[in-house]
PDB file of N, CA and C in Angstrom:
ATOM      1  N   MET A   1      -1.144  -0.086  19.903  1.00  0.00           N
ATOM      2  CA  MET A   1      -2.223  -0.494  19.015  1.00  0.00           C
ATOM      3  C   MET A   1      -3.523   0.155  19.493  1.00  0.00           C
ATOM      4  N   THR A   2      -4.299   0.625  18.539  1.00  0.00           N
ATOM      5  CA  THR A   2      -5.547   1.290  18.887  1.00  0.00           C
ATOM      6  C   THR A   2      -6.730   0.446  18.449  1.00  0.00           C
ATOM      7  N   ASP A   3      -7.921   0.831  18.887  1.00  0.00           N
ATOM      8  CA  ASP A   3      -9.138   0.133  18.496  1.00  0.00           C
ATOM      9  C   ASP A   3      -9.837   0.828  17.329  1.00  0.00           C
ATOM     10  N   THR A   4      -9.145   1.750  16.671  1.00  0.00           N
ATOM     11  CA  THR A   4      -9.713   2.456  15.540  1.00  0.00           C
ATOM     12  C   THR A   4      -9.921   1.480  14.383  1.00  0.00           C
ATOM     13  N   PRO A   5     -11.069   1.542  13.719  1.00  0.00           N
ATOM     14  CA  PRO A   5     -11.288   0.652  12.567  1.00  0.00           C
ATOM     15  C   PRO A   5     -10.218   0.853  11.498  1.00  0.00           C
ATOM     16  N   VAL A   6      -9.808  -0.227  10.894  1.00  0.00           N
ATOM     17  CA  VAL A   6      -8.776  -0.192   9.869  1.00  0.00           C
ATOM     18  C   VAL A   6      -9.439  -0.180   8.492  1.00  0.00           C
ATOM     19  N   THR A   7      -8.993   0.714   7.632  1.00  0.00           N
ATOM     20  CA  THR A   7      -9.464   0.765   6.254  1.00  0.00           C
ATOM     21  C   THR A   7      -8.642  -0.222   5.439  1.00  0.00           C
ATOM     22  N   LEU A   8      -9.305  -1.116   4.737  1.00  0.00           N
ATOM     23  CA  LEU A   8      -8.595  -2.132   3.964  1.00  0.00           C
ATOM     24  C   LEU A   8      -8.500  -1.802   2.479  1.00  0.00           C
ATOM     25  N   GLU A   9      -9.294  -0.851   1.994  1.00  0.00           N
ATOM     26  CA  GLU A   9      -9.227  -0.463   0.582  1.00  0.00           C
ATOM     27  C   GLU A   9      -8.290   0.723   0.417  1.00  0.00           C
ATOM     28  N   SER A  10      -7.433   0.618  -0.582  1.00  0.00           N
ATOM     29  CA  SER A  10      -6.530   1.714  -0.911  1.00  0.00           C
ATOM     30  C   SER A  10      -6.421   1.778  -2.432  1.00  0.00           C
ATOM     31  N   THR A  11      -6.376   2.976  -2.969  1.00  0.00           N
ATOM     32  CA  THR A  11      -6.232   3.139  -4.410  1.00  0.00           C
ATOM     33  C   THR A  11      -4.771   3.436  -4.715  1.00  0.00           C
ATOM     34  N   LEU A  12      -4.137   2.514  -5.432  1.00  0.00           N
ATOM     35  CA  LEU A  12      -2.750   2.683  -5.837  1.00  0.00           C
ATOM     36  C   LEU A  12      -2.711   3.439  -7.158  1.00  0.00           C
ATOM     37  N   THR A  13      -1.821   4.427  -7.258  1.00  0.00           N
ATOM     38  CA  THR A  13      -1.656   5.185  -8.491  1.00  0.00           C
ATOM     39  C   THR A  13      -0.249   4.947  -9.013  1.00  0.00           C
ATOM     40  N   CYS A  14      -0.163   4.446 -10.231  1.00  0.00           N
ATOM     41  CA  CYS A  14       1.126   4.157 -10.852  1.00  0.00           C
ATOM     42  C   CYS A  14       1.852   5.455 -11.181  1.00  0.00           C
ATOM     43  N   PRO A  15       3.100   5.614 -10.718  1.00  0.00           N
ATOM     44  CA  PRO A  15       3.841   6.842 -11.037  1.00  0.00           C
ATOM     45  C   PRO A  15       4.303   6.884 -12.493  1.00  0.00           C
ATOM     46  N   ALA A  16       4.323   5.741 -13.165  1.00  0.00           N
ATOM     47  CA  ALA A  16       4.782   5.698 -14.554  1.00  0.00           C
ATOM     48  C   ALA A  16       3.705   6.142 -15.535  1.00  0.00           C
ATOM     49  N   CYS A  17       2.457   5.683 -15.326  1.00  0.00           N
ATOM     50  CA  CYS A  17       1.413   5.989 -16.308  1.00  0.00           C
ATOM     51  C   CYS A  17       0.193   6.709 -15.718  1.00  0.00           C
ATOM     52  N   GLY A  18       0.104   6.782 -14.381  1.00  0.00           N
ATOM     53  CA  GLY A  18      -1.000   7.487 -13.746  1.00  0.00           C
ATOM     54  C   GLY A  18      -2.252   6.649 -13.542  1.00  0.00           C
ATOM     55  N   HIS A  19      -2.215   5.381 -13.958  1.00  0.00           N
ATOM     56  CA  HIS A  19      -3.365   4.500 -13.775  1.00  0.00           C
ATOM     57  C   HIS A  19      -3.633   4.297 -12.283  1.00  0.00           C
ATOM     58  N   ALA A  20      -4.895   4.369 -11.898  1.00  0.00           N
ATOM     59  CA  ALA A  20      -5.284   4.167 -10.496  1.00  0.00           C
ATOM     60  C   ALA A  20      -6.147   2.920 -10.396  1.00  0.00           C
ATOM     61  N   GLN A  21      -5.862   2.093  -9.397  1.00  0.00           N
ATOM     62  CA  GLN A  21      -6.582   0.833  -9.188  1.00  0.00           C
ATOM     63  C   GLN A  21      -6.833   0.673  -7.695  1.00  0.00           C
ATOM     64  N   THR A  22      -8.083   0.424  -7.324  1.00  0.00           N
ATOM     65  CA  THR A  22      -8.411   0.191  -5.920  1.00  0.00           C
ATOM     66  C   THR A  22      -8.203  -1.284  -5.605  1.00  0.00           C
ATOM     67  N   GLU A  23      -7.482  -1.534  -4.521  1.00  0.00           N
ATOM     68  CA  GLU A  23      -7.150  -2.897  -4.097  1.00  0.00           C
ATOM     69  C   GLU A  23      -7.504  -3.071  -2.621  1.00  0.00           C
ATOM     70  N   ILE A  24      -7.666  -4.314  -2.220  1.00  0.00           N
ATOM     71  CA  ILE A  24      -7.843  -4.661  -0.815  1.00  0.00           C
ATOM     72  C   ILE A  24      -6.469  -5.013  -0.259  1.00  0.00           C
ATOM     73  N   MET A  25      -6.065  -4.336   0.795  1.00  0.00           N
ATOM     74  CA  MET A  25      -4.745  -4.569   1.373  1.00  0.00           C
ATOM     75  C   MET A  25      -4.742  -5.833   2.219  1.00  0.00           C
ATOM     76  N   PRO A  26      -3.646  -6.588   2.183  1.00  0.00           N
ATOM     77  CA  PRO A  26      -3.534  -7.737   3.069  1.00  0.00           C
ATOM     78  C   PRO A  26      -3.369  -7.260   4.506  1.00  0.00           C
ATOM     79  N   THR A  27      -3.908  -8.016   5.450  1.00  0.00           N
ATOM     80  CA  THR A  27      -3.784  -7.647   6.856  1.00  0.00           C
ATOM     81  C   THR A  27      -2.687  -8.433   7.550  1.00  0.00           C
ATOM     82  N   ASP A  28      -2.176  -9.471   6.897  1.00  0.00           N
ATOM     83  CA  ASP A  28      -1.200 -10.350   7.540  1.00  0.00           C
ATOM     84  C   ASP A  28       0.198 -10.265   6.935  1.00  0.00           C
ATOM     85  N   ALA A  29       0.408  -9.383   5.963  1.00  0.00           N
ATOM     86  CA  ALA A  29       1.719  -9.260   5.328  1.00  0.00           C
ATOM     87  C   ALA A  29       1.814  -7.920   4.617  1.00  0.00           C
ATOM     88  N   CYS A  30       3.042  -7.455   4.434  1.00  0.00           N
ATOM     89  CA  CYS A  30       3.273  -6.246   3.645  1.00  0.00           C
ATOM     90  C   CYS A  30       3.387  -6.629   2.186  1.00  0.00           C
ATOM     91  N   GLN A  31       3.028  -5.706   1.334  1.00  0.00           N
ATOM     92  CA  GLN A  31       3.154  -5.948  -0.100  1.00  0.00           C
ATOM     93  C   GLN A  31       4.286  -5.082  -0.620  1.00  0.00           C
ATOM     94  N   TRP A  32       5.392  -5.727  -0.978  1.00  0.00           N
ATOM     95  CA  TRP A  32       6.580  -4.995  -1.423  1.00  0.00           C
ATOM     96  C   TRP A  32       6.583  -4.738  -2.915  1.00  0.00           C
ATOM     97  N   PHE A  33       5.795  -5.501  -3.682  1.00  0.00           N
ATOM     98  CA  PHE A  33       5.753  -5.329  -5.121  1.00  0.00           C
ATOM     99  C   PHE A  33       4.301  -5.291  -5.584  1.00  0.00           C
ATOM    100  N   TYR A  34       4.059  -4.511  -6.623  1.00  0.00           N
ATOM    101  CA  TYR A  34       2.725  -4.438  -7.213  1.00  0.00           C
ATOM    102  C   TYR A  34       2.900  -4.135  -8.691  1.00  0.00           C
ATOM    103  N   GLU A  35       2.282  -4.941  -9.555  1.00  0.00           N
ATOM    104  CA  GLU A  35       2.372  -4.705 -10.993  1.00  0.00           C
ATOM    105  C   GLU A  35       1.170  -3.912 -11.468  1.00  0.00           C
ATOM    106  N   CYS A  36       1.441  -2.773 -12.105  1.00  0.00           N
ATOM    107  CA  CYS A  36       0.375  -1.946 -12.656  1.00  0.00           C
ATOM    108  C   CYS A  36      -0.341  -2.731 -13.748  1.00  0.00           C
ATOM    109  N   SER A  37      -1.668  -2.767 -13.661  1.00  0.00           N
ATOM    110  CA  SER A  37      -2.436  -3.533 -14.644  1.00  0.00           C
ATOM    111  C   SER A  37      -2.494  -2.837 -16.011  1.00  0.00           C
ATOM    112  N   ALA A  38      -2.139  -1.558 -16.066  1.00  0.00           N
ATOM    113  CA  ALA A  38      -2.184  -0.827 -17.332  1.00  0.00           C
ATOM    114  C   ALA A  38      -0.861  -0.891 -18.091  1.00  0.00           C
ATOM    115  N   CYS A  39       0.246  -0.533 -17.420  1.00  0.00           N
ATOM    116  CA  CYS A  39       1.537  -0.464 -18.129  1.00  0.00           C
ATOM    117  C   CYS A  39       2.514  -1.565 -17.710  1.00  0.00           C
ATOM    118  N   HIS A  40       2.126  -2.338 -16.705  1.00  0.00           N
ATOM    119  CA  HIS A  40       2.911  -3.474 -16.197  1.00  0.00           C
ATOM    120  C   HIS A  40       4.220  -3.087 -15.522  1.00  0.00           C
ATOM    121  N   THR A  41       4.355  -1.826 -15.131  1.00  0.00           N
ATOM    122  CA  THR A  41       5.482  -1.412 -14.317  1.00  0.00           C
ATOM    123  C   THR A  41       5.337  -2.067 -12.942  1.00  0.00           C
ATOM    124  N   VAL A  42       6.432  -2.595 -12.415  1.00  0.00           N
ATOM    125  CA  VAL A  42       6.402  -3.194 -11.083  1.00  0.00           C
ATOM    126  C   VAL A  42       6.795  -2.114 -10.079  1.00  0.00           C
ATOM    127  N   LEU A  43       5.843  -1.783  -9.200  1.00  0.00           N
ATOM    128  CA  LEU A  43       6.084  -0.761  -8.181  1.00  0.00           C
ATOM    129  C   LEU A  43       6.757  -1.390  -6.976  1.00  0.00           C
ATOM    130  N   LYS A  44       7.682  -0.632  -6.387  1.00  0.00           N
ATOM    131  CA  LYS A  44       8.364  -1.029  -5.153  1.00  0.00           C
ATOM    132  C   LYS A  44       8.237   0.145  -4.184  1.00  0.00           C
ATOM    133  N   PRO A  45       8.304  -0.107  -2.882  1.00  0.00           N
ATOM    134  CA  PRO A  45       8.193   0.999  -1.920  1.00  0.00           C
ATOM    135  C   PRO A  45       9.279   2.054  -2.129  1.00  0.00           C
ATOM    136  N   LYS A  46       8.930   3.303  -1.889  1.00  0.00           N
ATOM    137  CA  LYS A  46       9.904   4.390  -1.917  1.00  0.00           C
ATOM    138  C   LYS A  46      10.801   4.254  -0.696  1.00  0.00           C
ATOM    139  N   PRO A  47      12.027   4.795  -0.744  1.00  0.00           N
ATOM    140  CA  PRO A  47      12.903   4.735   0.430  1.00  0.00           C
ATOM    141  C   PRO A  47      12.206   5.318   1.662  1.00  0.00           C
ATOM    142  N   GLY A  48      12.253   4.584   2.758  1.00  0.00           N
ATOM    143  CA  GLY A  48      11.628   5.029   3.995  1.00  0.00           C
ATOM    144  C   GLY A  48      10.213   4.520   4.191  1.00  0.00           C
ATOM    145  N   ASP A  49       9.586   4.001   3.126  1.00  0.00           N
ATOM    146  CA  ASP A  49       8.241   3.424   3.235  1.00  0.00           C
ATOM    147  C   ASP A  49       8.358   1.910   3.351  1.00  0.00           C
ATOM    148  N   CYS A  50       7.355   1.307   3.984  1.00  0.00           N
ATOM    149  CA  CYS A  50       7.428  -0.130   4.244  1.00  0.00           C
ATOM    150  C   CYS A  50       6.781  -0.975   3.157  1.00  0.00           C
ATOM    151  N   CYS A  51       5.891  -0.384   2.361  1.00  0.00           N
ATOM    152  CA  CYS A  51       5.194  -1.185   1.350  1.00  0.00           C
ATOM    153  C   CYS A  51       4.658  -0.277   0.248  1.00  0.00           C
ATOM    154  N   VAL A  52       4.144  -0.889  -0.816  1.00  0.00           N
ATOM    155  CA  VAL A  52       3.635  -0.100  -1.946  1.00  0.00           C
ATOM    156  C   VAL A  52       2.423   0.734  -1.566  1.00  0.00           C
ATOM    157  N   TYR A  53       1.624   0.279  -0.591  1.00  0.00           N
ATOM    158  CA  TYR A  53       0.447   1.059  -0.177  1.00  0.00           C
ATOM    159  C   TYR A  53       0.866   2.348   0.524  1.00  0.00           C
ATOM    160  N   CYS A  54       1.939   2.284   1.316  1.00  0.00           N
ATOM    161  CA  CYS A  54       2.420   3.498   1.990  1.00  0.00           C
ATOM    162  C   CYS A  54       3.045   4.480   0.991  1.00  0.00           C
ATOM    163  N   SER A  55       3.587   3.955  -0.108  1.00  0.00           N
ATOM    164  CA  SER A  55       4.223   4.812  -1.108  1.00  0.00           C
ATOM    165  C   SER A  55       3.253   5.357  -2.149  1.00  0.00           C
ATOM    166  N   TYR A  56       2.334   4.525  -2.631  1.00  0.00           N
ATOM    167  CA  TYR A  56       1.512   4.906  -3.789  1.00  0.00           C
ATOM    168  C   TYR A  56       0.014   4.856  -3.532  1.00  0.00           C
ATOM    169  N   GLY A  57      -0.402   4.446  -2.339  1.00  0.00           N
ATOM    170  CA  GLY A  57      -1.818   4.295  -2.051  1.00  0.00           C
ATOM    171  C   GLY A  57      -2.441   5.518  -1.408  1.00  0.00           C
ATOM    172  N   THR A  58      -3.770   5.535  -1.425  1.00  0.00           N
ATOM    173  CA  THR A  58      -4.514   6.621  -0.790  1.00  0.00           C
ATOM    174  C   THR A  58      -4.634   6.398   0.710  1.00  0.00           C
ATOM    175  N   VAL A  59      -4.391   5.159   1.160  1.00  0.00           N
ATOM    176  CA  VAL A  59      -4.478   4.804   2.577  1.00  0.00           C
ATOM    177  C   VAL A  59      -3.242   3.995   2.935  1.00  0.00           C
ATOM    178  N   ALA A  60      -2.630   4.292   4.069  1.00  0.00           N
ATOM    179  CA  ALA A  60      -1.472   3.527   4.536  1.00  0.00           C
ATOM    180  C   ALA A  60      -1.896   2.105   4.895  1.00  0.00           C
ATOM    181  N   CYS A  61      -0.934   1.200   4.941  1.00  0.00           N
ATOM    182  CA  CYS A  61      -1.219  -0.205   5.233  1.00  0.00           C
ATOM    183  C   CYS A  61      -1.783  -0.378   6.651  1.00  0.00           C
ATOM    184  N   PRO A  62      -2.482  -1.491   6.899  1.00  0.00           N
ATOM    185  CA  PRO A  62      -3.120  -1.703   8.204  1.00  0.00           C
ATOM    186  C   PRO A  62      -2.195  -1.564   9.415  1.00  0.00           C
ATOM    187  N   PRO A  63      -0.971  -2.117   9.429  1.00  0.00           N
ATOM    188  CA  PRO A  63      -0.135  -1.921  10.617  1.00  0.00           C
ATOM    189  C   PRO A  63       0.173  -0.452  10.902  1.00  0.00           C
ATOM    190  N   ILE A  64       0.429   0.331   9.869  1.00  0.00           N
ATOM    191  CA  ILE A  64       0.696   1.758  10.061  1.00  0.00           C
ATOM    192  C   ILE A  64      -0.562   2.472  10.576  1.00  0.00           C
ATOM    193  N   GLN A  65      -1.725   2.122  10.043  1.00  0.00           N
ATOM    194  CA  GLN A  65      -2.974   2.717  10.522  1.00  0.00           C
ATOM    195  C   GLN A  65      -3.174   2.447  12.003  1.00  0.00           C
ATOM    196  N   GLN A  66      -2.720   1.293  12.479  1.00  0.00           N
ATOM    197  CA  GLN A  66      -2.894   0.904  13.878  1.00  0.00           C
ATOM    198  C   GLN A  66      -1.777   1.437  14.771  1.00  0.00           C
ATOM    199  N   GLY A  67      -0.831   2.171  14.187  1.00  0.00           N
ATOM    200  CA  GLY A  67       0.237   2.758  14.985  1.00  0.00           C
ATOM    201  C   GLY A  67       1.414   1.835  15.200  1.00  0.00           C
ATOM    202  N   ASP A  68       1.457   0.718  14.494  1.00  0.00           N
ATOM    203  CA  ASP A  68       2.586  -0.209  14.603  1.00  0.00           C
ATOM    204  C   ASP A  68       3.563   0.068  13.485  1.00  0.00           C
ATOM    205  N   SER A  69       4.746  -0.537  13.602  1.00  0.00           N
ATOM    206  CA  SER A  69       5.657  -0.481  12.475  1.00  0.00           C
ATOM    207  C   SER A  69       5.205  -1.545  11.491  1.00  0.00           C
ATOM    208  N   CYS A  70       5.359  -1.268  10.227  1.00  0.00           N
ATOM    209  CA  CYS A  70       4.915  -2.203   9.203  1.00  0.00           C
ATOM    210  C   CYS A  70       5.808  -3.436   9.217  1.00  0.00           C
ATOM    211  N   CYS A  71       5.206  -4.590   9.180  1.00  0.00           N
ATOM    212  CA  CYS A  71       5.922  -5.866   9.107  1.00  0.00           C
ATOM    213  C   CYS A  71       6.898  -6.035  10.261  1.00  0.00           C
ATOM    214  N   GLY A  72       6.679  -5.376  11.353  1.00  0.00           N
ATOM    215  CA  GLY A  72       7.650  -5.412  12.447  1.00  0.00           C
ATOM    216  C   GLY A  72       7.545  -6.535  13.325  1.00  0.00           C
TER     217      GLY A  72
END
């Protein structure tokens, strides 16, 4: 674990419609599902990713930013 500041804002981009929405990431849990506010597609992590932020966001989730495994 490092002392580097963690970025909590990430912009998720829906792969179905391209809509982008900036969200505040939770620091105490991974987010496995996210519903696009435009087309209502429910996003799930891609294989090998731990959460929707790691798959579709502009910033990886807080545990990954800190060098930990997500939800580990």
